[in-house]
PDB file of N, CA and C in Angstrom:
ATOM      1  N   ASN A   1     106.551  59.891 119.967  1.00  0.00           N
ATOM      2  CA  ASN A   1     106.320  61.260 120.395  1.00  0.00           C
ATOM      3  C   ASN A   1     106.139  61.807 122.079  1.00  0.00           C
ATOM      4  N   GLU A   2     106.045  62.817 121.936  1.00  0.00           N
ATOM      5  CA  GLU A   2     106.143  63.310 123.603  1.00  0.00           C
ATOM      6  C   GLU A   2     105.069  62.944 124.364  1.00  0.00           C
ATOM      7  N   PHE A   3     103.676  62.926 123.594  1.00  0.00           N
ATOM      8  CA  PHE A   3     102.775  62.603 124.347  1.00  0.00           C
ATOM      9  C   PHE A   3     102.795  60.996 124.398  1.00  0.00           C
ATOM     10  N   LYS A   4     103.003  60.558 123.891  1.00  0.00           N
ATOM     11  CA  LYS A   4     103.173  58.859 123.806  1.00  0.00           C
ATOM     12  C   LYS A   4     103.935  58.553 125.160  1.00  0.00           C
ATOM     13  N   GLN A   5     104.870  59.370 125.061  1.00  0.00           N
ATOM     14  CA  GLN A   5     106.156  59.142 126.466  1.00  0.00           C
ATOM     15  C   GLN A   5     105.180  59.946 127.525  1.00  0.00           C
ATOM     16  N   LEU A   6     104.431  60.863 127.864  1.00  0.00           N
ATOM     17  CA  LEU A   6     103.815  61.284 129.099  1.00  0.00           C
ATOM     18  C   LEU A   6     102.754  59.968 129.209  1.00  0.00           C
ATOM     19  N   ARG A   7     101.929  59.400 128.621  1.00  0.00           N
ATOM     20  CA  ARG A   7     100.998  58.458 128.540  1.00  0.00           C
ATOM     21  C   ARG A   7     101.693  57.248 129.211  1.00  0.00           C
ATOM     22  N   GLU A   8     103.170  56.960 128.565  1.00  0.00           N
ATOM     23  CA  GLU A   8     103.740  55.803 129.568  1.00  0.00           C
ATOM     24  C   GLU A   8     104.027  56.055 130.811  1.00  0.00           C
ATOM     25  N   ILE A   9     104.736  57.238 130.864  1.00  0.00           N
ATOM     26  CA  ILE A   9     105.078  57.859 132.442  1.00  0.00           C
ATOM     27  C   ILE A   9     103.805  58.220 133.149  1.00  0.00           C
ATOM     28  N   THR A  10     102.772  58.664 132.940  1.00  0.00           N
ATOM     29  CA  THR A  10     101.824  58.941 133.507  1.00  0.00           C
ATOM     30  C   THR A  10     100.625  57.493 133.976  1.00  0.00           C
ATOM     31  N   ASP A  11     101.105  56.574 133.248  1.00  0.00           N
ATOM     32  CA  ASP A  11      99.868  55.455 133.413  1.00  0.00           C
ATOM     33  C   ASP A  11      98.642  55.829 132.623  1.00  0.00           C
ATOM     34  N   ASN A  12      99.127  56.584 131.826  1.00  0.00           N
ATOM     35  CA  ASN A  12      97.659  56.943 130.615  1.00  0.00           C
ATOM     36  C   ASN A  12      96.765  58.144 131.701  1.00  0.00           C
ATOM     37  N   TYR A  13      97.576  59.330 132.046  1.00  0.00           N
ATOM     38  CA  TYR A  13      97.418  60.133 132.910  1.00  0.00           C
ATOM     39  C   TYR A  13      96.447  60.033 134.114  1.00  0.00           C
ATOM     40  N   THR A  14      96.943  58.901 134.376  1.00  0.00           N
ATOM     41  CA  THR A  14      96.549  58.628 136.000  1.00  0.00           C
ATOM     42  C   THR A  14      96.790  59.424 136.857  1.00  0.00           C
ATOM     43  N   VAL A  15      95.955  60.375 137.840  1.00  0.00           N
ATOM     44  CA  VAL A  15      96.328  61.171 138.717  1.00  0.00           C
ATOM     45  C   VAL A  15      96.674  60.598 139.863  1.00  0.00           C
ATOM     46  N   PRO A  16      97.770  60.682 140.482  1.00  0.00           N
ATOM     47  CA  PRO A  16      97.954  60.209 141.838  1.00  0.00           C
ATOM     48  C   PRO A  16      97.222  60.579 143.067  1.00  0.00           C
ATOM     49  N   GLY A  17      96.732  59.498 143.786  1.00  0.00           N
ATOM     50  CA  GLY A  17      95.857  60.094 144.937  1.00  0.00           C
ATOM     51  C   GLY A  17      96.297  61.259 146.110  1.00  0.00           C
ATOM     52  N   ASP A  18      97.754  61.655 145.859  1.00  0.00           N
ATOM     53  CA  ASP A  18      98.302  62.174 146.701  1.00  0.00           C
ATOM     54  C   ASP A  18      98.815  63.611 146.471  1.00  0.00           C
ATOM     55  N   VAL A  19      97.931  64.307 145.385  1.00  0.00           N
ATOM     56  CA  VAL A  19      98.626  65.665 144.697  1.00  0.00           C
ATOM     57  C   VAL A  19      97.469  66.812 144.905  1.00  0.00           C
ATOM     58  N   CYS A  20      97.739  67.708 144.724  1.00  0.00           N
ATOM     59  CA  CYS A  20      97.531  69.097 145.040  1.00  0.00           C
ATOM     60  C   CYS A  20      96.440  69.150 143.624  1.00  0.00           C
ATOM     61  N   GLU A  21      95.543  70.237 143.596  1.00  0.00           N
ATOM     62  CA  GLU A  21      94.944  70.114 142.977  1.00  0.00           C
ATOM     63  C   GLU A  21      95.203  70.599 141.273  1.00  0.00           C
ATOM     64  N   SER A  22      96.095  71.651 141.273  1.00  0.00           N
ATOM     65  CA  SER A  22      96.724  72.041 140.183  1.00  0.00           C
ATOM     66  C   SER A  22      97.608  70.981 139.497  1.00  0.00           C
ATOM     67  N   TYR A  23      98.412  70.010 140.256  1.00  0.00           N
ATOM     68  CA  TYR A  23      98.835  68.929 139.542  1.00  0.00           C
ATOM     69  C   TYR A  23      97.844  67.848 138.894  1.00  0.00           C
ATOM     70  N   GLU A  24      96.426  68.064 139.489  1.00  0.00           N
ATOM     71  CA  GLU A  24      95.634  66.830 138.821  1.00  0.00           C
ATOM     72  C   GLU A  24      95.173  68.019 137.646  1.00  0.00           C
ATOM     73  N   ALA A  25      94.976  68.988 137.928  1.00  0.00           N
ATOM     74  CA  ALA A  25      94.763  70.074 136.370  1.00  0.00           C
ATOM     75  C   ALA A  25      95.142  69.633 135.416  1.00  0.00           C
ATOM     76  N   VAL A  26      97.055  70.125 135.912  1.00  0.00           N
ATOM     77  CA  VAL A  26      97.922  69.682 134.680  1.00  0.00           C
ATOM     78  C   VAL A  26      97.276  68.347 134.017  1.00  0.00           C
ATOM     79  N   TYR A  27      97.389  67.403 134.566  1.00  0.00           N
ATOM     80  CA  TYR A  27      97.201  66.049 134.192  1.00  0.00           C
ATOM     81  C   TYR A  27      95.785  66.129 133.235  1.00  0.00           C
ATOM     82  N   ASN A  28      95.062  66.348 134.036  1.00  0.00           N
ATOM     83  CA  ASN A  28      93.577  66.273 132.848  1.00  0.00           C
ATOM     84  C   ASN A  28      93.816  67.447 131.634  1.00  0.00           C
ATOM     85  N   MET A  29      94.256  68.945 131.597  1.00  0.00           N
ATOM     86  CA  MET A  29      94.583  69.422 130.549  1.00  0.00           C
ATOM     87  C   MET A  29      95.601  68.647 129.669  1.00  0.00           C
ATOM     88  N   LEU A  30      96.630  67.907 129.877  1.00  0.00           N
ATOM     89  CA  LEU A  30      97.584  67.278 129.022  1.00  0.00           C
ATOM     90  C   LEU A  30      96.569  66.088 128.529  1.00  0.00           C
ATOM     91  N   SER A  31      95.784  65.301 129.181  1.00  0.00           N
ATOM     92  CA  SER A  31      94.719  64.292 128.671  1.00  0.00           C
ATOM     93  C   SER A  31      94.111  64.901 127.681  1.00  0.00           C
ATOM     94  N   GLU A  32      93.413  66.013 127.795  1.00  0.00           N
ATOM     95  CA  GLU A  32      92.459  66.649 126.977  1.00  0.00           C
ATOM     96  C   GLU A  32      93.375  67.302 125.512  1.00  0.00           C
ATOM     97  N   ILE A  33      94.532  67.763 125.967  1.00  0.00           N
ATOM     98  CA  ILE A  33      95.323  68.282 124.542  1.00  0.00           C
ATOM     99  C   ILE A  33      95.400  66.574 123.837  1.00  0.00           C
ATOM    100  N   ASP A  34      96.077  65.540 124.646  1.00  0.00           N
ATOM    101  CA  ASP A  34      96.347  64.694 123.728  1.00  0.00           C
ATOM    102  C   ASP A  34      95.160  63.852 122.824  1.00  0.00           C
ATOM    103  N   GLU A  35      94.302  64.066 123.687  1.00  0.00           N
ATOM    104  CA  GLU A  35      93.034  63.500 122.914  1.00  0.00           C
ATOM    105  C   GLU A  35      92.334  64.068 121.706  1.00  0.00           C
ATOM    106  N   ALA A  36      92.796  65.430 121.999  1.00  0.00           N
ATOM    107  CA  ALA A  36      92.081  66.661 120.456  1.00  0.00           C
ATOM    108  C   ALA A  36      92.880  66.186 119.846  1.00  0.00           C
ATOM    109  N   TYR A  37      94.632  66.156 119.637  1.00  0.00           N
ATOM    110  CA  TYR A  37      95.506  65.729 118.768  1.00  0.00           C
ATOM    111  C   TYR A  37      95.623  64.670 118.054  1.00  0.00           C
ATOM    112  N   HIS A  38      95.442  63.762 119.130  1.00  0.00           N
ATOM    113  CA  HIS A  38      95.822  62.031 118.553  1.00  0.00           C
ATOM    114  C   HIS A  38      94.390  61.203 118.734  1.00  0.00           C
ATOM    115  N   GLY A  39      93.549  61.545 118.899  1.00  0.00           N
ATOM    116  CA  GLY A  39      92.262  60.682 119.092  1.00  0.00           C
ATOM    117  C   GLY A  39      92.566  59.559 120.094  1.00  0.00           C
TER     118      GLY A  39
END
């Protein structure tokens, strides 16, 4: 599924150190949605 691919691509939603707050917020939001739907 898409979230499995996102986990693989993002190293389980690990936020890179050199990104803006918006980028980090998107990663966090995706992680929360993934957790809510797939535990």
